[in-house]
Every structure is written in structure tokens, then in C-alpha cells.
Amino acid sequence: MLAVLLLVFLACYLWLSWQNVKKEQSSKLSSIAELSGNSLDSYFAHYENSLKVLAEDLVNGGDSINLARSQVLLKQFLKAHPDLLVTNVLAPDGQMLVTTEELVGNKLPSQGNAPSFIIGRDELQKGVNFNVGRVFYGPLIKEWIIPLRYAVRDKNDGLRYIVATALPLTKFQNLWTDYAVRVNASRDLQENSARALPVNTTLGLVRDDEFLISRYPAFDKAVLKDVYSNPREGVLIEHLKNNDHPLRGDIAGVGGKGSGNNLYSFRRLSRHPITLFVTIPLTNVSSTWKSQVWPVIAIWSVLVLAAIVVYFRLEKNQLAWDRDREMTIERLESIFNGSNDALLLLAYNTITDCNSRAAEVFGLESKSEILSRKLWDFSPPKQLDGQESRQAATELIAKAQRVGKNYFEWVFKRKDGQTFTAEVLLSSFCYDGVWILQASIRDINLRKKSIKE
């Protein structure tokens, strides 16, 4: 029973400790998500404001742009933002009007059929001014880029132009790397210990349409097309879709194709339909949990084993005690049943047990005819002194109980009606909280006959 209780307690402790470790890890990931989300909000706000200023300079208070002047402004903008590769001005149909690229020929290409442009333009036409688009491969610049687009509107608030710039995916990866280095450098600082990146941490940005924008650590180049050209899957994506893209939260489950069980914490950017997520494998959590509970498991295992050893030792001793008791009872029963005197045991004046000799003395066929009867039931109505047998027996029994024993002569009657005088010794003792009288009955005539012989 003790072993079972210990095991139940241990199971409860393990479950609670797992939940606590999981909660601690989730809290740590939440801190990282908040810090990263704030940084990215500022990062994209910087480009949004820069593109806004550029858009205002391009139209200069009107509805149209000066193409010659615009290219100068675009190159100045690109020079002021060295992380960007190219900046364009496009018509809503995707036709490129101005670009910072030196292209051969007069006709500029159109992006009207590019999925990333179509989706970005549709978002801008719905009233959004700044758009972080789907990642795509730029054939001219031969790099995977994150498009940043800004809407230039006419006086009726219609979409007139789109100012688009290209942020190389590799540059954004450097942003993740720099962030990880800064955070991990502060791992030993007390105030930042909760923000240190755990081992195997993954950070990423995913759009509301389930397409990935960026991820740290970076993917191999061989899988970039599959990663950025297809929507993501997994428990996080399903949770975001089913809950209308909540502001923040935590969730655990399978991350997607080829991914194991992970613990996620996410935080939606404040001004963009993008969710930042931080995730670690659940094996990280289990490793931390195991390192904490292992000493407790060891101690509890010793306690359980000790309880089992004690149980079997007690059981062995109990079996030995039971055998000794059974042998003692057998010896006492042999003495009790082998006595030449009739022996009766009385409790509350009622015969509860007797030996086989008692049945012979009273001329009965079995002990069952004696049990549950009174001593005076085997006596004539009166004794030799004229006293009623019932009253006399009651007084003699009371004296034996009071003094501890009582010796007297008594006239008994057998089943066939014959009477005989016997020596009676009443001995009182307590058994299991009940006072018992043992009556030892010896037929005087038989004793005298035995002496003569």
C-alpha cells in the first residue's frame, strides 16, 4: 500500500513538474517573442516611413511623377538604405515605370503576372499603405527577396502608383543572426537570462496567408523554392487560422512536414498581418525536465524499493508468527481435547466451547449439544443442600470471576437422567477483551474408582 501511494505521489509530482517546466519554457519563449516582435515592428516601421517620404517626394504634391527626376530619387533612396537591392515604381497593372536597375533597352518589364505582386497589389487596394509581400526569386538580381511595397494614392484615395523595394532574404537572415548573437551574449547577465535563446531555437515570420517570410536558422539553398513558394503547414498554422490570428499565445504540437513535436510561442506584429513565432523541440523541454526530476526519481525509487523490502520482510515475519501461533493453538487444542476431565469454556454464563470428553461425561453424542447452553442446564433442579441449581451456579460463577478461581463440588445430570457428583474448578481469564471461565469437571466416582484400581 505504501509503495502504491509513493508511486501515485511520484506520478502526480512528475506530471506537475512537467507542466511547470513546460510553462517556464513557454514563458521564456514568450519573452523572446515579445523582444523580437518589438524589434521587427521598429524595423518595418523604419522602411514604411522611408518609403512614405520617398512616395511624397516622387509625386511632390501632385498625382503624377516625373520619370527622370524619379530615378534620381530612387537611387538616392537606395544609397541611403544599403541593405536594399533595387527600388521600382510600378503602375497598378504591374508595369514597371522607373527602376534603379540599369536595364538595356527602353522597355521595362512588367510584374503584372507575378503572384507576389498580384497579392501585394490586392492588399494595397484594400486600403493598406505598406505591404510586406511574399518572398520570391528575382530573376534579374538572382536572389530570393522580400518585397516591401508602398501605395501612392491619388486625391480620391485610389491606388495610383506602387513604390516597391527588394530586401534580400540573406540580409534579413543577417538580422536574425545579429539578434541571436546579441541575445546569447547577454546569457550570463541576470536581467537578460530569461531572454537568452535556448538550444535549437527557431525564429520565423509567417504571413496571414500561411507563406513564410523568413526563418532562423536559414534553410539550405536547395530547399528555398519549396519552403517559400508553398504555404506552411502544422499545428501553429492551424491554430492561427482557427483563432483568427490572435495577438499572442503558446501552443505545442507537430510543426509540419518532416518536423517533430515542438513548443511554440507567437506574437503578431502590431501593424502588419504577420506573426512572429519562436519554437524549440519538445525534446529540449523533456531534457530540462529530466535533469530536474532525476534526483527525485532516484530518491523515490529507493523509497519504493525500501517499502517493498520492508513489506516482504514483514510478510515473512508474519508468516512465521502465524505458523508459531497455529502450532501453539494446535498444542493447546491437543491438551484441551486430550484431557481426561470435561472442560467447558463459558462467556457471559453461556458455554462457548468444550472438549470431546465433556460430551462423554454428559452422555451426549456431540459437542454441539453442549454449546450455547448454561451450566445449570446439565444439573438437577436442586443441589444436595437444597439450593436451586441455577441460583447456586450463578453465585459460584460470580465468585470465580471476582476472585479469579473457585473450587467446589457439584451435582450434574446426564442426558439419560442419571446424576453424578463432580469436582469443579472454575478459572477466570481475559481473552480478546472478554472475561472467560474455564470449567474443569471431574466425576468423583470415576476418580475414586481409578484410585482403587
Protein backbone atom coordinates (compact mmCIF):
# COMPACT_ATOMS: atom_id res chain seq x y z
CA MET A 1 0.00 0.00 0.00
CA LEU A 2 2.85 2.34 0.86
CA ALA A 3 4.56 1.51 -2.44
CA VAL A 4 1.36 2.26 -4.35
CA LEU A 5 0.93 5.58 -2.53
CA LEU A 6 4.53 6.51 -3.28
CA LEU A 7 4.07 5.65 -6.95
CA VAL A 8 0.86 7.69 -7.15
CA PHE A 9 2.56 10.63 -5.46
CA LEU A 10 5.54 10.29 -7.80
CA ALA A 11 3.25 10.22 -10.85
CA CYS A 12 1.50 13.39 -9.66
CA TYR A 13 4.84 15.07 -8.98
CA LEU A 14 6.19 14.13 -12.42
CA TRP A 15 3.09 15.46 -14.16
CA LEU A 16 3.12 18.73 -12.22
CA SER A 17 6.86 19.20 -12.72
CA TRP A 18 6.45 18.59 -16.47
CA GLN A 19 3.73 21.23 -16.62
CA ASN A 20 5.92 23.68 -14.64
CA VAL A 21 8.96 23.11 -16.87
CA LYS A 22 6.79 23.46 -19.96
CA LYS A 23 5.30 26.66 -18.53
CA GLU A 24 8.77 28.04 -17.75
CA GLN A 25 9.99 27.29 -21.27
CA SER A 26 6.85 28.85 -22.75
CA SER A 27 7.40 31.95 -20.63
CA LYS A 28 10.98 32.16 -21.85
CA LEU A 29 9.88 31.82 -25.47
CA SER A 30 7.20 34.46 -24.88
CA SER A 31 9.85 36.89 -23.63
CA ILE A 32 11.93 36.23 -26.74
CA ALA A 33 8.87 36.66 -28.95
CA GLU A 34 7.98 39.98 -27.32
CA LEU A 35 11.54 41.29 -27.65
CA SER A 36 11.83 40.10 -31.26
CA GLY A 37 8.36 41.39 -32.14
CA ASN A 38 9.17 44.86 -30.82
CA SER A 39 12.41 44.90 -32.83
CA LEU A 40 10.66 43.84 -36.03
CA ASP A 41 7.88 46.37 -35.51
CA SER A 42 10.55 49.07 -35.38
CA TYR A 43 12.41 47.51 -38.32
CA PHE A 44 9.43 47.50 -40.67
CA ALA A 45 8.22 50.88 -39.37
CA HIS A 46 11.59 52.32 -40.43
CA TYR A 47 11.14 51.12 -44.02
CA GLU A 48 7.48 52.14 -44.07
CA ASN A 49 8.37 55.70 -43.06
CA SER A 50 11.26 55.82 -45.52
CA LEU A 51 9.05 54.63 -48.39
CA LYS A 52 6.37 57.14 -47.36
CA VAL A 53 8.87 60.00 -47.57
CA LEU A 54 10.08 58.70 -50.95
CA ALA A 55 6.49 58.44 -52.24
CA GLU A 56 5.76 62.03 -51.18
CA ASP A 57 8.93 63.24 -52.94
CA LEU A 58 8.00 61.35 -56.11
CA VAL A 59 4.59 62.96 -56.54
CA ASN A 60 5.58 66.24 -54.89
CA GLY A 61 2.01 67.19 -54.07
CA GLY A 62 0.50 66.08 -57.39
CA ASP A 63 -0.93 62.90 -58.87
CA SER A 64 1.81 62.23 -61.41
CA ILE A 65 5.51 61.61 -61.16
CA ASN A 66 8.41 62.98 -63.18
CA LEU A 67 10.16 59.88 -64.53
CA ALA A 68 13.58 61.48 -64.98
CA ARG A 69 13.53 63.06 -61.54
CA SER A 70 12.13 59.85 -60.01
CA GLN A 71 15.13 57.72 -60.96
CA VAL A 72 17.42 60.17 -59.17
CA LEU A 73 15.24 59.98 -56.06
CA LEU A 74 15.15 56.19 -56.23
CA LYS A 75 18.94 55.96 -56.44
CA GLN A 76 19.35 58.38 -53.56
CA PHE A 77 16.90 56.27 -51.55
CA LEU A 78 18.81 53.09 -52.40
CA LYS A 79 22.10 54.70 -51.43
CA ALA A 80 20.63 55.70 -48.06
CA HIS A 81 19.49 52.10 -47.48
CA PRO A 82 22.39 49.82 -48.43
CA ASP A 83 20.52 46.68 -47.29
CA LEU A 84 18.11 47.06 -50.23
CA LEU A 85 18.92 45.79 -53.72
CA VAL A 86 16.57 47.59 -56.07
CA THR A 87 13.72 50.10 -55.90
CA ASN A 88 10.99 50.47 -58.53
CA VAL A 89 7.89 52.48 -59.25
CA LEU A 90 5.10 50.42 -60.82
CA ALA A 91 1.66 51.07 -62.17
CA PRO A 92 -1.22 49.16 -60.55
CA ASP A 93 -1.23 46.77 -63.54
CA GLY A 94 2.33 45.77 -62.73
CA GLN A 95 4.09 47.71 -65.45
CA MET A 96 7.43 48.98 -64.22
CA LEU A 97 7.73 52.74 -64.76
CA VAL A 98 11.03 53.60 -63.08
CA THR A 99 13.79 51.45 -61.62
CA THR A 100 17.22 51.87 -60.11
CA GLU A 101 18.49 48.98 -62.27
CA GLU A 102 20.47 49.81 -65.39
CA LEU A 103 18.43 47.85 -67.96
CA VAL A 104 19.38 47.53 -71.62
CA GLY A 105 16.68 48.93 -73.91
CA ASN A 106 13.84 51.33 -73.28
CA LYS A 107 11.03 48.92 -72.47
CA LEU A 108 10.82 48.00 -68.82
CA PRO A 109 9.41 44.61 -67.75
CA SER A 110 6.02 44.08 -66.12
CA GLN A 111 5.26 42.20 -62.91
CA GLY A 112 1.56 42.00 -63.69
CA ASN A 113 1.59 38.20 -63.78
CA ALA A 114 3.83 37.63 -60.75
CA PRO A 115 1.82 36.05 -57.89
CA SER A 116 3.68 38.01 -55.22
CA PHE A 117 2.90 41.32 -56.97
CA ILE A 118 -0.76 40.46 -57.56
CA ILE A 119 -1.33 39.54 -53.93
CA GLY A 120 0.59 42.61 -52.70
CA ARG A 121 -1.31 44.95 -55.02
CA ASP A 122 -4.65 43.49 -53.89
CA GLU A 123 -3.73 44.16 -50.27
CA LEU A 124 -2.76 47.76 -51.10
CA GLN A 125 -6.02 48.29 -52.98
CA LYS A 126 -7.92 47.28 -49.85
CA GLY A 127 -6.56 50.35 -48.06
CA VAL A 128 -3.24 49.14 -46.64
CA ASN A 129 -0.43 51.58 -47.32
CA PHE A 130 2.55 49.34 -46.59
CA ASN A 131 2.90 45.71 -47.59
CA VAL A 132 5.47 43.04 -46.76
CA GLY A 133 4.90 40.66 -49.65
CA ARG A 134 5.52 37.00 -50.34
CA VAL A 135 9.13 36.01 -50.78
CA PHE A 136 10.06 35.30 -54.42
CA TYR A 137 13.11 34.72 -56.56
CA GLY A 138 14.16 37.81 -58.54
CA PRO A 139 15.43 36.60 -61.94
CA LEU A 140 17.19 39.88 -62.69
CA ILE A 141 19.04 40.16 -59.41
CA LYS A 142 19.24 36.36 -58.99
CA GLU A 143 18.33 36.37 -55.31
CA TRP A 144 15.41 35.47 -53.08
CA ILE A 145 13.92 38.75 -51.90
CA ILE A 146 11.31 40.07 -49.50
CA PRO A 147 9.32 42.73 -51.40
CA LEU A 148 8.35 45.87 -49.48
CA ARG A 149 5.64 47.91 -51.20
CA TYR A 150 4.12 51.32 -50.50
CA ALA A 151 0.93 52.71 -52.01
CA VAL A 152 0.92 56.10 -53.71
CA ARG A 153 -2.69 57.27 -53.88
CA ASP A 154 -4.48 59.93 -55.86
CA LYS A 155 -6.77 62.63 -54.47
CA ASN A 156 -9.68 60.16 -54.45
CA ASP A 157 -7.60 57.72 -52.39
CA GLY A 158 -7.28 55.36 -55.32
CA LEU A 159 -4.09 53.40 -55.97
CA ARG A 160 -2.03 55.43 -58.48
CA TYR A 161 1.49 54.00 -58.15
CA ILE A 162 3.32 51.34 -56.16
CA VAL A 163 6.79 52.05 -54.82
CA ALA A 164 8.48 48.68 -54.36
CA THR A 165 11.86 47.81 -52.98
CA ALA A 166 13.64 44.50 -52.57
CA LEU A 167 15.09 43.32 -49.26
CA PRO A 168 17.37 40.34 -49.90
CA LEU A 169 16.46 37.29 -47.84
CA THR A 170 20.12 36.92 -46.90
CA LYS A 171 20.16 40.44 -45.42
CA PHE A 172 17.14 39.61 -43.29
CA GLN A 173 18.86 36.39 -42.19
CA ASN A 174 21.75 38.55 -41.02
CA LEU A 175 19.26 40.49 -38.91
CA TRP A 176 18.21 37.23 -37.20
CA THR A 177 21.84 36.20 -36.73
CA ASP A 178 22.83 39.55 -35.23
CA TYR A 179 19.85 39.37 -32.90
CA ALA A 180 20.77 35.82 -31.78
CA VAL A 181 24.36 36.86 -31.15
CA ARG A 182 23.28 39.87 -29.07
CA VAL A 183 20.82 37.84 -27.01
CA ASN A 184 23.17 34.94 -26.42
CA ALA A 185 25.96 37.35 -25.49
CA SER A 186 23.77 38.51 -22.62
CA ARG A 187 23.02 34.94 -21.47
CA ASP A 188 25.13 35.35 -18.35
CA LEU A 189 23.52 38.64 -17.35
CA GLN A 190 20.90 38.24 -14.65
CA GLU A 191 18.45 40.71 -16.15
CA ASN A 192 18.58 39.11 -19.60
CA SER A 193 18.87 35.45 -18.68
CA ALA A 194 15.18 34.88 -19.44
CA ARG A 195 15.73 36.20 -22.97
CA ALA A 196 18.71 34.03 -23.88
CA LEU A 197 17.99 31.77 -26.84
CA PRO A 198 17.65 28.14 -25.77
CA VAL A 199 19.47 25.46 -27.73
CA ASN A 200 17.80 24.54 -31.06
CA THR A 201 15.65 27.69 -31.05
CA THR A 202 13.94 28.55 -34.33
CA LEU A 203 12.51 32.00 -35.10
CA GLY A 204 10.40 32.91 -38.08
CA LEU A 205 7.87 35.23 -39.69
CA VAL A 206 4.73 33.94 -41.39
CA ARG A 207 2.10 35.93 -43.27
CA ASP A 208 -1.61 35.52 -42.66
CA ASP A 209 -1.84 33.66 -45.99
CA GLU A 210 0.44 30.99 -44.43
CA PHE A 211 3.52 31.83 -46.50
CA LEU A 212 6.84 32.09 -44.72
CA ILE A 213 8.74 35.39 -44.92
CA SER A 214 11.92 34.44 -43.12
CA ARG A 215 13.34 31.91 -40.72
CA TYR A 216 16.33 31.48 -38.43
CA PRO A 217 18.42 29.36 -38.77
CA ALA A 218 18.39 29.70 -42.55
CA PHE A 219 17.31 26.87 -44.84
CA ASP A 220 19.68 25.23 -47.27
CA LYS A 221 19.56 26.81 -50.73
CA ALA A 222 18.36 23.53 -52.22
CA VAL A 223 15.02 23.75 -50.42
CA LEU A 224 14.34 27.50 -50.66
CA LYS A 225 11.92 27.13 -53.57
CA ASP A 226 9.86 24.52 -51.76
CA VAL A 227 9.93 26.50 -48.50
CA TYR A 228 8.99 29.95 -49.79
CA SER A 229 6.80 29.03 -52.76
CA ASN A 230 4.31 26.91 -50.81
CA PRO A 231 2.14 27.65 -47.77
CA ARG A 232 3.32 26.30 -44.46
CA GLU A 233 1.58 23.55 -42.51
CA GLY A 234 1.46 22.34 -38.93
CA VAL A 235 -0.14 22.97 -35.58
CA LEU A 236 0.88 26.65 -35.44
CA ILE A 237 -0.66 27.48 -38.83
CA GLU A 238 -3.87 25.64 -37.93
CA HIS A 239 -4.05 27.44 -34.60
CA LEU A 240 -3.59 30.85 -36.21
CA LYS A 241 -6.24 30.15 -38.86
CA ASN A 242 -8.77 28.67 -36.47
CA ASN A 243 -8.42 31.50 -33.96
CA ASP A 244 -8.42 34.45 -36.38
CA HIS A 245 -4.71 35.17 -35.89
CA PRO A 246 -4.58 36.08 -32.19
CA LEU A 247 -2.17 38.70 -30.88
CA ARG A 248 -0.03 36.25 -28.90
CA GLY A 249 -0.10 32.78 -27.39
CA ASP A 250 1.56 29.43 -26.85
CA ILE A 251 0.92 26.02 -28.39
CA ALA A 252 2.60 22.63 -28.66
CA GLY A 253 2.39 20.05 -31.43
CA VAL A 254 3.81 18.82 -34.71
CA GLY A 255 5.33 21.68 -36.66
CA GLY A 256 4.73 20.40 -40.18
CA LYS A 257 6.05 18.03 -42.80
CA GLY A 258 9.17 16.30 -41.51
CA SER A 259 9.02 18.16 -38.20
CA GLY A 260 8.66 16.66 -34.75
CA ASN A 261 6.76 17.88 -31.71
CA ASN A 262 7.60 21.48 -30.87
CA LEU A 263 6.73 24.12 -28.32
CA TYR A 264 5.68 27.43 -29.91
CA SER A 265 5.25 30.96 -28.67
CA PHE A 266 4.00 33.57 -31.13
CA ARG A 267 3.39 37.29 -31.26
CA ARG A 268 1.57 39.15 -34.03
CA LEU A 269 3.24 42.31 -35.32
CA SER A 270 1.28 45.37 -34.31
CA ARG A 271 0.86 46.99 -37.76
CA HIS A 272 1.21 44.15 -40.24
CA PRO A 273 -0.61 40.85 -40.99
CA ILE A 274 2.46 38.91 -39.94
CA THR A 275 3.07 36.63 -36.98
CA LEU A 276 6.46 36.11 -35.41
CA PHE A 277 7.00 32.68 -33.86
CA VAL A 278 9.68 31.22 -31.61
CA THR A 279 9.89 27.46 -31.25
CA ILE A 280 12.00 24.76 -29.67
CA PRO A 281 11.71 20.96 -29.91
CA LEU A 282 9.81 19.36 -27.04
CA THR A 283 12.92 17.24 -26.56
CA ASN A 284 14.50 20.42 -25.15
CA VAL A 285 11.72 20.62 -22.59
CA SER A 286 11.97 16.94 -21.75
CA SER A 287 15.76 17.22 -21.31
CA THR A 288 15.33 20.10 -18.86
CA TRP A 289 12.53 18.23 -17.11
CA LYS A 290 14.58 15.03 -16.81
CA SER A 291 17.55 16.89 -15.34
CA GLN A 292 15.25 18.34 -12.65
CA VAL A 293 13.26 15.23 -11.76
CA TRP A 294 16.02 12.64 -11.99
CA PRO A 295 17.22 13.13 -8.37
CA VAL A 296 13.62 12.96 -7.16
CA ILE A 297 13.00 9.79 -9.20
CA ALA A 298 16.14 8.24 -7.73
CA ILE A 299 15.08 9.06 -4.16
CA TRP A 300 11.53 7.86 -4.77
CA SER A 301 12.80 4.67 -6.36
CA VAL A 302 14.86 3.97 -3.25
CA LEU A 303 11.81 4.66 -1.07
CA VAL A 304 9.60 2.36 -3.16
CA LEU A 305 12.22 -0.40 -3.10
CA ALA A 306 12.63 0.08 0.63
CA ALA A 307 8.87 -0.13 1.09
CA ILE A 308 8.77 -3.34 -0.95
CA VAL A 309 11.68 -4.85 1.03
CA VAL A 310 10.02 -3.89 4.32
CA TYR A 311 6.73 -5.33 3.12
CA PHE A 312 8.22 -8.70 2.21
CA ARG A 313 10.25 -8.75 5.44
CA LEU A 314 7.11 -8.07 7.47
CA GLU A 315 5.19 -10.62 5.44
CA LYS A 316 7.90 -13.20 6.12
CA ASN A 317 7.82 -12.42 9.84
CA GLN A 318 4.02 -12.50 9.81
CA LEU A 319 4.05 -15.93 8.19
CA ALA A 320 6.49 -17.14 10.83
CA TRP A 321 4.29 -15.70 13.59
CA ASP A 322 1.22 -17.30 12.02
CA ARG A 323 2.95 -20.67 11.92
CA ASP A 324 4.03 -20.36 15.54
CA ARG A 325 0.53 -19.34 16.55
CA GLU A 326 -1.01 -22.22 14.64
CA MET A 327 1.40 -24.64 16.31
CA THR A 328 0.60 -23.14 19.72
CA ILE A 329 -3.13 -23.40 19.03
CA GLU A 330 -2.69 -26.99 17.90
CA ARG A 331 -0.78 -27.83 21.08
CA LEU A 332 -3.41 -26.15 23.23
CA GLU A 333 -6.18 -27.92 21.37
CA SER A 334 -4.40 -31.23 21.83
CA ILE A 335 -4.13 -30.58 25.55
CA PHE A 336 -7.70 -29.30 25.68
CA ASN A 337 -9.19 -32.22 23.78
CA GLY A 338 -6.88 -34.83 25.27
CA SER A 339 -7.72 -34.03 28.88
CA ASN A 340 -9.43 -36.79 30.89
CA ASP A 341 -11.56 -34.11 32.57
CA ALA A 342 -14.53 -32.47 30.94
CA LEU A 343 -13.53 -28.92 30.03
CA LEU A 344 -16.02 -26.14 29.32
CA LEU A 345 -15.43 -22.54 28.31
CA LEU A 346 -18.06 -20.02 29.42
CA ALA A 347 -18.63 -16.42 28.38
CA TYR A 348 -21.45 -14.45 29.95
CA ASN A 349 -22.61 -17.68 31.68
CA THR A 350 -23.00 -19.39 28.28
CA ILE A 351 -20.94 -22.40 27.17
CA THR A 352 -18.98 -21.35 24.07
CA ASP A 353 -16.66 -24.36 23.68
CA CYS A 354 -15.88 -27.74 25.21
CA ASN A 355 -13.70 -30.78 24.64
CA SER A 356 -14.91 -34.18 23.43
CA ARG A 357 -14.60 -35.59 26.96
CA ALA A 358 -17.42 -33.23 28.06
CA ALA A 359 -19.84 -34.88 25.62
CA GLU A 360 -18.92 -38.32 27.03
CA VAL A 361 -19.35 -37.22 30.65
CA PHE A 362 -22.83 -35.84 30.00
CA GLY A 363 -23.80 -38.82 27.82
CA LEU A 364 -24.17 -36.74 24.68
CA GLU A 365 -23.36 -37.71 21.12
CA SER A 366 -21.54 -34.50 20.08
CA LYS A 367 -20.21 -31.21 21.36
CA SER A 368 -22.91 -29.29 19.51
CA GLU A 369 -25.45 -30.44 22.11
CA ILE A 370 -23.47 -28.58 24.79
CA LEU A 371 -22.65 -25.31 23.07
CA SER A 372 -24.77 -22.21 23.68
CA ARG A 373 -26.30 -23.74 26.83
CA LYS A 374 -25.93 -22.85 30.53
CA LEU A 375 -24.13 -24.81 33.23
CA TRP A 376 -27.37 -25.41 35.12
CA ASP A 377 -28.93 -26.95 32.01
CA PHE A 378 -26.84 -30.04 32.83
CA SER A 379 -27.81 -30.05 36.50
CA PRO A 380 -30.83 -31.31 38.52
CA PRO A 381 -33.26 -28.56 39.69
CA LYS A 382 -31.67 -28.54 43.15
CA GLN A 383 -28.32 -29.39 44.61
CA LEU A 384 -27.77 -31.72 47.62
CA ASP A 385 -28.00 -28.75 50.02
CA GLY A 386 -31.44 -27.91 48.67
CA GLN A 387 -30.32 -24.76 46.84
CA GLU A 388 -31.66 -24.25 43.36
CA SER A 389 -29.00 -25.16 40.77
CA ARG A 390 -29.45 -22.02 38.70
CA GLN A 391 -29.03 -19.64 41.63
CA ALA A 392 -26.15 -21.61 43.08
CA ALA A 393 -24.33 -21.78 39.74
CA THR A 394 -24.76 -18.04 39.21
CA GLU A 395 -23.23 -17.26 42.63
CA LEU A 396 -20.32 -19.66 42.12
CA ILE A 397 -19.57 -18.22 38.67
CA ALA A 398 -19.71 -14.68 40.05
CA LYS A 399 -17.22 -15.59 42.77
CA ALA A 400 -14.84 -17.15 40.25
CA GLN A 401 -14.98 -14.01 38.13
CA ARG A 402 -14.40 -11.84 41.18
CA VAL A 403 -11.63 -13.88 42.81
CA GLY A 404 -10.14 -15.47 39.69
CA LYS A 405 -10.96 -19.08 40.52
CA ASN A 406 -13.40 -21.17 42.53
CA TYR A 407 -13.33 -24.85 43.56
CA PHE A 408 -16.46 -26.73 44.64
CA GLU A 409 -18.45 -29.96 44.30
CA TRP A 410 -21.48 -30.03 42.04
CA VAL A 411 -24.20 -32.47 41.12
CA PHE A 412 -24.68 -32.86 37.35
CA LYS A 413 -27.29 -34.75 35.38
CA ARG A 414 -26.60 -36.80 32.27
CA LYS A 415 -28.82 -36.98 29.23
CA ASP A 416 -30.37 -40.26 30.44
CA GLY A 417 -31.36 -38.61 33.74
CA GLN A 418 -28.64 -40.16 35.95
CA THR A 419 -26.89 -37.74 38.31
CA PHE A 420 -23.28 -37.71 39.40
CA THR A 421 -21.20 -35.62 41.73
CA ALA A 422 -18.13 -33.91 40.30
CA GLU A 423 -15.31 -31.72 41.42
CA VAL A 424 -15.44 -28.41 39.58
CA LEU A 425 -12.64 -25.86 39.21
CA LEU A 426 -13.62 -22.51 37.67
CA SER A 427 -10.69 -20.41 36.39
CA SER A 428 -11.17 -16.89 35.10
CA PHE A 429 -9.03 -15.24 32.38
CA CYS A 430 -9.41 -12.43 29.83
CA TYR A 431 -9.29 -13.26 26.15
CA ASP A 432 -9.60 -10.59 23.43
CA GLY A 433 -11.28 -8.20 25.87
CA VAL A 434 -13.83 -10.74 27.15
CA TRP A 435 -13.69 -12.49 30.50
CA ILE A 436 -13.78 -16.26 30.02
CA LEU A 437 -14.36 -19.00 32.58
CA GLN A 438 -12.85 -22.42 32.13
CA ALA A 439 -14.73 -25.14 34.00
CA SER A 440 -12.76 -28.31 34.70
CA ILE A 441 -15.18 -31.13 35.68
CA ARG A 442 -14.04 -34.46 37.18
CA ASP A 443 -16.50 -37.24 38.13
CA ILE A 444 -15.75 -38.09 41.81
CA ASN A 445 -16.90 -41.70 41.48
CA LEU A 446 -14.66 -42.27 38.48
CA ARG A 447 -11.73 -40.67 40.33
CA LYS A 448 -12.29 -42.91 43.37
CA LYS A 449 -12.57 -45.98 41.17
CA SER A 450 -9.37 -45.04 39.41
CA ILE A 451 -7.60 -44.70 42.80
CA LYS A 452 -8.76 -48.13 43.98
CA GLU A 453 -7.58 -49.74 40.76
